[in-house]
Amino acid sequence: MLWLKKLMGRDDRFFDLLEAAADEAKASVDIFGRYLQALADGASPAKVDDLVHARRKEKRIRQEMTEALSRTFVTPLDREDIEALSFALYRIPKQVEKIVERISIYPGRVPHEAFRRQAELMLQASDAVVTMVRQLRGRLDIVKIRETNERLQFAEGEADKVMLALLKDLYNGDSNAKELVILGEIYEMIEQAVDRCRNAGNIVVQIALKDS
């Protein structure tokens, strides 16, 4: 019956919305990279306007997805899979916004160089998520999806290693207690953003295995 569901559920708006959500997730990561560069150039860490705007777009996309699901009887993918992936994508820019908010109120010197490698891995992970979501449209190729997911899993594993190295340096450095707590939390928050990309990728793999 899978072929019948696909035939009756050829509503591309769900793929459009999922792809838009993935694009916005990556856009938030791009903004984070530019934010770090601005800090490196001596700018004030107080501005978060771009991320707020990106989050508003992501919220609108998620709202449109909820409305589309409520109005559609047959969907091209299982309804619960669409909802799960939509929510997973929504959580990525939400996490990135929290990171920037936390950095923006940090009272000490922001160690932007320490965040740079984490930001690079976050970008690799979000780029893989965009690719994987786009691979859901049309004929599913589980081999290509798995190959992209391997890149995503590698980025997530590297993010874990980088976080541990940063924490080790922090614990063995001369930071005071306040700096140690705040920076440790931020390092972990950035690693969690990569985890959220991994979670979205895992859902795409599950969908591909089910519908291929």
C-alpha atoms as a PDB file:
ATOM      1  CA  MET A   1       0.000   0.000   0.000  1.00  0.00           C
ATOM      2  CA  LEU A   2       3.022   2.292   0.194  1.00  0.00           C
ATOM      3  CA  TRP A   3       2.826   3.033  -3.537  1.00  0.00           C
ATOM      4  CA  LEU A   4      -0.827   4.071  -3.135  1.00  0.00           C
ATOM      5  CA  LYS A   5      -0.014   6.424  -0.282  1.00  0.00           C
ATOM      6  CA  LYS A   6       2.746   8.053  -2.299  1.00  0.00           C
ATOM      7  CA  LEU A   7       0.459   8.399  -5.306  1.00  0.00           C
ATOM      8  CA  MET A   8      -2.344   9.994  -3.293  1.00  0.00           C
ATOM      9  CA  GLY A   9      -0.035  12.074  -1.136  1.00  0.00           C
ATOM     10  CA  ARG A  10       1.909  13.969  -3.762  1.00  0.00           C
ATOM     11  CA  ASP A  11       1.617  17.245  -1.901  1.00  0.00           C
ATOM     12  CA  ASP A  12       4.946  18.971  -2.379  1.00  0.00           C
ATOM     13  CA  ARG A  13       4.189  21.644   0.205  1.00  0.00           C
ATOM     14  CA  PHE A  14       5.333  19.300   2.974  1.00  0.00           C
ATOM     15  CA  PHE A  15       8.697  18.857   1.287  1.00  0.00           C
ATOM     16  CA  ASP A  16       8.820  22.614   0.648  1.00  0.00           C
ATOM     17  CA  LEU A  17       8.220  23.349   4.326  1.00  0.00           C
ATOM     18  CA  LEU A  18      10.712  20.764   5.573  1.00  0.00           C
ATOM     19  CA  GLU A  19      13.363  22.077   3.204  1.00  0.00           C
ATOM     20  CA  ALA A  20      12.611  25.658   4.261  1.00  0.00           C
ATOM     21  CA  ALA A  21      12.946  24.636   7.913  1.00  0.00           C
ATOM     22  CA  ALA A  22      16.301  22.967   7.210  1.00  0.00           C
ATOM     23  CA  ASP A  23      17.479  26.064   5.328  1.00  0.00           C
ATOM     24  CA  GLU A  24      16.524  28.301   8.249  1.00  0.00           C
ATOM     25  CA  ALA A  25      18.321  25.996  10.669  1.00  0.00           C
ATOM     26  CA  LYS A  26      21.490  26.333   8.598  1.00  0.00           C
ATOM     27  CA  ALA A  27      20.925  30.091   8.286  1.00  0.00           C
ATOM     28  CA  SER A  28      20.983  30.397  12.075  1.00  0.00           C
ATOM     29  CA  VAL A  29      24.305  28.539  12.153  1.00  0.00           C
ATOM     30  CA  ASP A  30      25.673  30.869   9.449  1.00  0.00           C
ATOM     31  CA  ILE A  31      24.601  33.844  11.571  1.00  0.00           C
ATOM     32  CA  PHE A  32      26.396  32.353  14.562  1.00  0.00           C
ATOM     33  CA  GLY A  33      29.584  32.112  12.517  1.00  0.00           C
ATOM     34  CA  ARG A  34      29.267  35.767  11.467  1.00  0.00           C
ATOM     35  CA  TYR A  35      28.574  36.673  15.083  1.00  0.00           C
ATOM     36  CA  LEU A  36      31.825  35.066  16.195  1.00  0.00           C
ATOM     37  CA  GLN A  37      33.690  36.871  13.422  1.00  0.00           C
ATOM     38  CA  ALA A  38      32.188  40.175  14.541  1.00  0.00           C
ATOM     39  CA  LEU A  39      33.420  39.481  18.065  1.00  0.00           C
ATOM     40  CA  ALA A  40      36.873  38.694  16.692  1.00  0.00           C
ATOM     41  CA  ASP A  41      36.792  42.056  14.890  1.00  0.00           C
ATOM     42  CA  GLY A  42      36.064  43.838  18.160  1.00  0.00           C
ATOM     43  CA  ALA A  43      32.324  44.346  17.898  1.00  0.00           C
ATOM     44  CA  SER A  44      30.056  44.352  20.933  1.00  0.00           C
ATOM     45  CA  PRO A  45      28.457  40.945  21.701  1.00  0.00           C
ATOM     46  CA  ALA A  46      25.076  42.537  22.498  1.00  0.00           C
ATOM     47  CA  LYS A  47      23.364  42.183  19.084  1.00  0.00           C
ATOM     48  CA  VAL A  48      21.109  39.171  18.484  1.00  0.00           C
ATOM     49  CA  ASP A  49      18.619  40.754  16.065  1.00  0.00           C
ATOM     50  CA  ASP A  50      19.489  38.537  13.085  1.00  0.00           C
ATOM     51  CA  LEU A  51      18.931  35.362  15.083  1.00  0.00           C
ATOM     52  CA  VAL A  52      15.634  36.620  16.455  1.00  0.00           C
ATOM     53  CA  HIS A  53      14.490  37.227  12.885  1.00  0.00           C
ATOM     54  CA  ALA A  54      15.616  33.756  11.823  1.00  0.00           C
ATOM     55  CA  ARG A  55      13.732  32.200  14.730  1.00  0.00           C
ATOM     56  CA  ARG A  56      10.567  34.060  13.763  1.00  0.00           C
ATOM     57  CA  LYS A  57      10.807  32.626  10.262  1.00  0.00           C
ATOM     58  CA  GLU A  58      11.301  29.145  11.687  1.00  0.00           C
ATOM     59  CA  LYS A  59       8.246  29.574  13.908  1.00  0.00           C
ATOM     60  CA  ARG A  60       6.146  30.615  10.913  1.00  0.00           C
ATOM     61  CA  ILE A  61       7.318  27.582   8.964  1.00  0.00           C
ATOM     62  CA  ARG A  62       6.443  25.289  11.845  1.00  0.00           C
ATOM     63  CA  GLN A  63       3.024  26.901  12.191  1.00  0.00           C
ATOM     64  CA  GLU A  64       2.385  26.418   8.468  1.00  0.00           C
ATOM     65  CA  MET A  65       3.412  22.780   8.827  1.00  0.00           C
ATOM     66  CA  THR A  66       0.991  22.251  11.711  1.00  0.00           C
ATOM     67  CA  GLU A  67      -1.842  23.829   9.724  1.00  0.00           C
ATOM     68  CA  ALA A  68      -1.025  21.790   6.609  1.00  0.00           C
ATOM     69  CA  LEU A  69      -1.010  18.553   8.597  1.00  0.00           C
ATOM     70  CA  SER A  70      -4.374  19.374  10.157  1.00  0.00           C
ATOM     71  CA  ARG A  71      -5.941  20.018   6.738  1.00  0.00           C
ATOM     72  CA  THR A  72      -4.469  17.106   4.789  1.00  0.00           C
ATOM     73  CA  PHE A  73      -5.882  13.592   4.915  1.00  0.00           C
ATOM     74  CA  VAL A  74      -3.119  11.765   3.025  1.00  0.00           C
ATOM     75  CA  THR A  75       0.482  12.944   3.351  1.00  0.00           C
ATOM     76  CA  PRO A  76       3.498  11.892   1.226  1.00  0.00           C
ATOM     77  CA  LEU A  77       5.320  10.711   4.363  1.00  0.00           C
ATOM     78  CA  ASP A  78       3.857   9.354   7.576  1.00  0.00           C
ATOM     79  CA  ARG A  79       2.231  12.168   9.519  1.00  0.00           C
ATOM     80  CA  GLU A  80       4.165  11.422  12.708  1.00  0.00           C
ATOM     81  CA  ASP A  81       7.457  11.417  10.777  1.00  0.00           C
ATOM     82  CA  ILE A  82       6.728  14.821   9.275  1.00  0.00           C
ATOM     83  CA  GLU A  83       5.860  16.199  12.697  1.00  0.00           C
ATOM     84  CA  ALA A  84       8.949  14.673  14.320  1.00  0.00           C
ATOM     85  CA  LEU A  85      11.308  16.038  11.660  1.00  0.00           C
ATOM     86  CA  SER A  86       9.643  19.448  11.690  1.00  0.00           C
ATOM     87  CA  PHE A  87      10.100  19.694  15.453  1.00  0.00           C
ATOM     88  CA  ALA A  88      13.707  18.475  15.296  1.00  0.00           C
ATOM     89  CA  LEU A  89      14.553  21.138  12.698  1.00  0.00           C
ATOM     90  CA  TYR A  90      12.787  23.805  14.751  1.00  0.00           C
ATOM     91  CA  ARG A  91      14.973  23.016  17.751  1.00  0.00           C
ATOM     92  CA  ILE A  92      18.246  23.763  15.940  1.00  0.00           C
ATOM     93  CA  PRO A  93      17.877  27.564  15.522  1.00  0.00           C
ATOM     94  CA  LYS A  94      16.212  27.710  18.937  1.00  0.00           C
ATOM     95  CA  GLN A  95      19.385  26.273  20.458  1.00  0.00           C
ATOM     96  CA  VAL A  96      21.634  28.584  18.442  1.00  0.00           C
ATOM     97  CA  GLU A  97      19.675  31.607  19.614  1.00  0.00           C
ATOM     98  CA  LYS A  98      20.124  30.498  23.234  1.00  0.00           C
ATOM     99  CA  ILE A  99      23.879  30.223  22.677  1.00  0.00           C
ATOM    100  CA  VAL A 100      24.152  33.749  21.297  1.00  0.00           C
ATOM    101  CA  GLU A 101      21.951  35.124  24.057  1.00  0.00           C
ATOM    102  CA  ARG A 102      24.229  33.541  26.644  1.00  0.00           C
ATOM    103  CA  ILE A 103      27.382  34.886  24.977  1.00  0.00           C
ATOM    104  CA  SER A 104      25.824  38.349  24.667  1.00  0.00           C
ATOM    105  CA  ILE A 105      25.454  38.680  28.460  1.00  0.00           C
ATOM    106  CA  TYR A 106      28.823  37.147  29.344  1.00  0.00           C
ATOM    107  CA  PRO A 107      30.620  39.813  31.422  1.00  0.00           C
ATOM    108  CA  GLY A 108      34.174  38.749  30.646  1.00  0.00           C
ATOM    109  CA  ARG A 109      36.298  38.602  27.510  1.00  0.00           C
ATOM    110  CA  VAL A 110      34.559  36.336  25.028  1.00  0.00           C
ATOM    111  CA  PRO A 111      36.983  33.579  23.904  1.00  0.00           C
ATOM    112  CA  HIS A 112      35.706  33.590  20.326  1.00  0.00           C
ATOM    113  CA  GLU A 113      38.675  31.551  19.099  1.00  0.00           C
ATOM    114  CA  ALA A 114      37.693  28.706  21.430  1.00  0.00           C
ATOM    115  CA  PHE A 115      34.234  28.635  19.863  1.00  0.00           C
ATOM    116  CA  ARG A 116      35.504  28.703  16.282  1.00  0.00           C
ATOM    117  CA  ARG A 117      36.146  24.962  15.805  1.00  0.00           C
ATOM    118  CA  GLN A 118      32.807  24.159  17.405  1.00  0.00           C
ATOM    119  CA  ALA A 119      31.120  26.585  15.012  1.00  0.00           C
ATOM    120  CA  GLU A 120      32.819  24.912  12.024  1.00  0.00           C
ATOM    121  CA  LEU A 121      31.493  21.507  13.083  1.00  0.00           C
ATOM    122  CA  MET A 122      28.048  22.959  13.680  1.00  0.00           C
ATOM    123  CA  LEU A 123      28.114  24.300  10.125  1.00  0.00           C
ATOM    124  CA  GLN A 124      29.165  20.905   8.728  1.00  0.00           C
ATOM    125  CA  ALA A 125      26.339  19.242  10.639  1.00  0.00           C
ATOM    126  CA  SER A 126      23.681  21.729   9.538  1.00  0.00           C
ATOM    127  CA  ASP A 127      24.840  21.501   5.929  1.00  0.00           C
ATOM    128  CA  ALA A 128      24.456  17.708   6.079  1.00  0.00           C
ATOM    129  CA  VAL A 129      20.952  18.125   7.497  1.00  0.00           C
ATOM    130  CA  VAL A 130      19.940  20.371   4.583  1.00  0.00           C
ATOM    131  CA  THR A 131      21.259  17.814   2.107  1.00  0.00           C
ATOM    132  CA  MET A 132      19.480  14.937   3.828  1.00  0.00           C
ATOM    133  CA  VAL A 133      16.136  16.733   4.008  1.00  0.00           C
ATOM    134  CA  ARG A 134      16.354  17.580   0.302  1.00  0.00           C
ATOM    135  CA  GLN A 135      16.999  13.911  -0.442  1.00  0.00           C
ATOM    136  CA  LEU A 136      13.533  13.045   0.896  1.00  0.00           C
ATOM    137  CA  ARG A 137      11.858  14.573  -2.146  1.00  0.00           C
ATOM    138  CA  GLY A 138      11.294  12.258  -5.076  1.00  0.00           C
ATOM    139  CA  ARG A 139      12.740   8.786  -5.204  1.00  0.00           C
ATOM    140  CA  LEU A 140      14.477   7.968  -1.941  1.00  0.00           C
ATOM    141  CA  ASP A 141      18.083   6.853  -2.262  1.00  0.00           C
ATOM    142  CA  ILE A 142      18.980   5.228   1.046  1.00  0.00           C
ATOM    143  CA  VAL A 143      22.641   4.877   0.028  1.00  0.00           C
ATOM    144  CA  LYS A 144      23.068   8.627  -0.522  1.00  0.00           C
ATOM    145  CA  ILE A 145      21.170   9.438   2.651  1.00  0.00           C
ATOM    146  CA  ARG A 146      23.394   7.092   4.644  1.00  0.00           C
ATOM    147  CA  GLU A 147      26.518   8.605   3.108  1.00  0.00           C
ATOM    148  CA  THR A 148      25.401  12.091   4.104  1.00  0.00           C
ATOM    149  CA  ASN A 149      24.443  10.838   7.543  1.00  0.00           C
ATOM    150  CA  GLU A 150      27.955   9.451   8.007  1.00  0.00           C
ATOM    151  CA  ARG A 151      29.300  12.980   7.507  1.00  0.00           C
ATOM    152  CA  LEU A 152      26.815  14.241  10.046  1.00  0.00           C
ATOM    153  CA  GLN A 153      27.738  11.548  12.580  1.00  0.00           C
ATOM    154  CA  PHE A 154      31.426  12.334  12.081  1.00  0.00           C
ATOM    155  CA  ALA A 155      30.816  16.043  12.773  1.00  0.00           C
ATOM    156  CA  GLU A 156      28.874  15.146  15.915  1.00  0.00           C
ATOM    157  CA  GLY A 157      31.646  12.861  17.143  1.00  0.00           C
ATOM    158  CA  GLU A 158      34.276  15.531  16.505  1.00  0.00           C
ATOM    159  CA  ALA A 159      32.120  18.081  18.343  1.00  0.00           C
ATOM    160  CA  ASP A 160      32.163  15.827  21.408  1.00  0.00           C
ATOM    161  CA  LYS A 161      35.970  15.625  21.264  1.00  0.00           C
ATOM    162  CA  VAL A 162      36.377  19.375  20.814  1.00  0.00           C
ATOM    163  CA  MET A 163      34.065  20.108  23.747  1.00  0.00           C
ATOM    164  CA  LEU A 164      36.012  17.761  26.016  1.00  0.00           C
ATOM    165  CA  ALA A 165      39.310  19.358  24.953  1.00  0.00           C
ATOM    166  CA  LEU A 166      37.934  22.827  25.640  1.00  0.00           C
ATOM    167  CA  LEU A 167      36.618  21.760  29.023  1.00  0.00           C
ATOM    168  CA  LYS A 168      39.985  20.197  29.886  1.00  0.00           C
ATOM    169  CA  ASP A 169      41.782  23.430  29.020  1.00  0.00           C
ATOM    170  CA  LEU A 170      39.226  25.380  31.019  1.00  0.00           C
ATOM    171  CA  TYR A 171      39.534  23.165  34.088  1.00  0.00           C
ATOM    172  CA  ASN A 172      43.332  23.300  33.995  1.00  0.00           C
ATOM    173  CA  GLY A 173      43.584  26.999  33.204  1.00  0.00           C
ATOM    174  CA  ASP A 174      43.544  30.089  35.385  1.00  0.00           C
ATOM    175  CA  SER A 175      39.849  30.983  34.961  1.00  0.00           C
ATOM    176  CA  ASN A 176      38.001  32.040  38.080  1.00  0.00           C
ATOM    177  CA  ALA A 177      34.987  30.071  39.308  1.00  0.00           C
ATOM    178  CA  LYS A 178      32.446  32.269  37.515  1.00  0.00           C
ATOM    179  CA  GLU A 179      34.238  32.042  34.184  1.00  0.00           C
ATOM    180  CA  LEU A 180      34.642  28.291  34.561  1.00  0.00           C
ATOM    181  CA  VAL A 181      30.919  27.740  35.089  1.00  0.00           C
ATOM    182  CA  ILE A 182      29.700  30.111  32.377  1.00  0.00           C
ATOM    183  CA  LEU A 183      32.138  29.086  29.654  1.00  0.00           C
ATOM    184  CA  GLY A 184      31.658  25.399  30.462  1.00  0.00           C
ATOM    185  CA  GLU A 185      27.917  25.797  29.962  1.00  0.00           C
ATOM    186  CA  ILE A 186      28.390  27.601  26.648  1.00  0.00           C
ATOM    187  CA  TYR A 187      30.758  24.914  25.341  1.00  0.00           C
ATOM    188  CA  GLU A 188      28.157  22.296  26.197  1.00  0.00           C
ATOM    189  CA  MET A 189      25.327  24.321  24.630  1.00  0.00           C
ATOM    190  CA  ILE A 190      27.215  24.545  21.329  1.00  0.00           C
ATOM    191  CA  GLU A 191      27.843  20.799  21.358  1.00  0.00           C
ATOM    192  CA  GLN A 192      24.123  20.283  22.009  1.00  0.00           C
ATOM    193  CA  ALA A 193      23.343  22.266  18.852  1.00  0.00           C
ATOM    194  CA  VAL A 194      25.345  19.706  16.864  1.00  0.00           C
ATOM    195  CA  ASP A 195      23.440  16.962  18.701  1.00  0.00           C
ATOM    196  CA  ARG A 196      20.196  18.493  17.505  1.00  0.00           C
ATOM    197  CA  CYS A 197      21.430  18.358  13.928  1.00  0.00           C
ATOM    198  CA  ARG A 198      22.279  14.690  14.485  1.00  0.00           C
ATOM    199  CA  ASN A 199      18.797  14.043  15.854  1.00  0.00           C
ATOM    200  CA  ALA A 200      17.209  15.566  12.754  1.00  0.00           C
ATOM    201  CA  GLY A 201      19.469  13.426  10.566  1.00  0.00           C
ATOM    202  CA  ASN A 202      18.494  10.280  12.454  1.00  0.00           C
ATOM    203  CA  ILE A 203      14.835  10.989  11.744  1.00  0.00           C
ATOM    204  CA  VAL A 204      15.572  11.391   8.035  1.00  0.00           C
ATOM    205  CA  VAL A 205      17.312   8.006   8.030  1.00  0.00           C
ATOM    206  CA  GLN A 206      14.341   6.410   9.763  1.00  0.00           C
ATOM    207  CA  ILE A 207      11.973   7.895   7.193  1.00  0.00           C
ATOM    208  CA  ALA A 208      14.167   6.674   4.342  1.00  0.00           C
ATOM    209  CA  LEU A 209      14.357   3.159   5.740  1.00  0.00           C
ATOM    210  CA  LYS A 210      10.593   3.056   6.145  1.00  0.00           C
ATOM    211  CA  ASP A 211       9.622   4.532   2.771  1.00  0.00           C
ATOM    212  CA  SER A 212      12.394   3.398   0.420  1.00  0.00           C
END
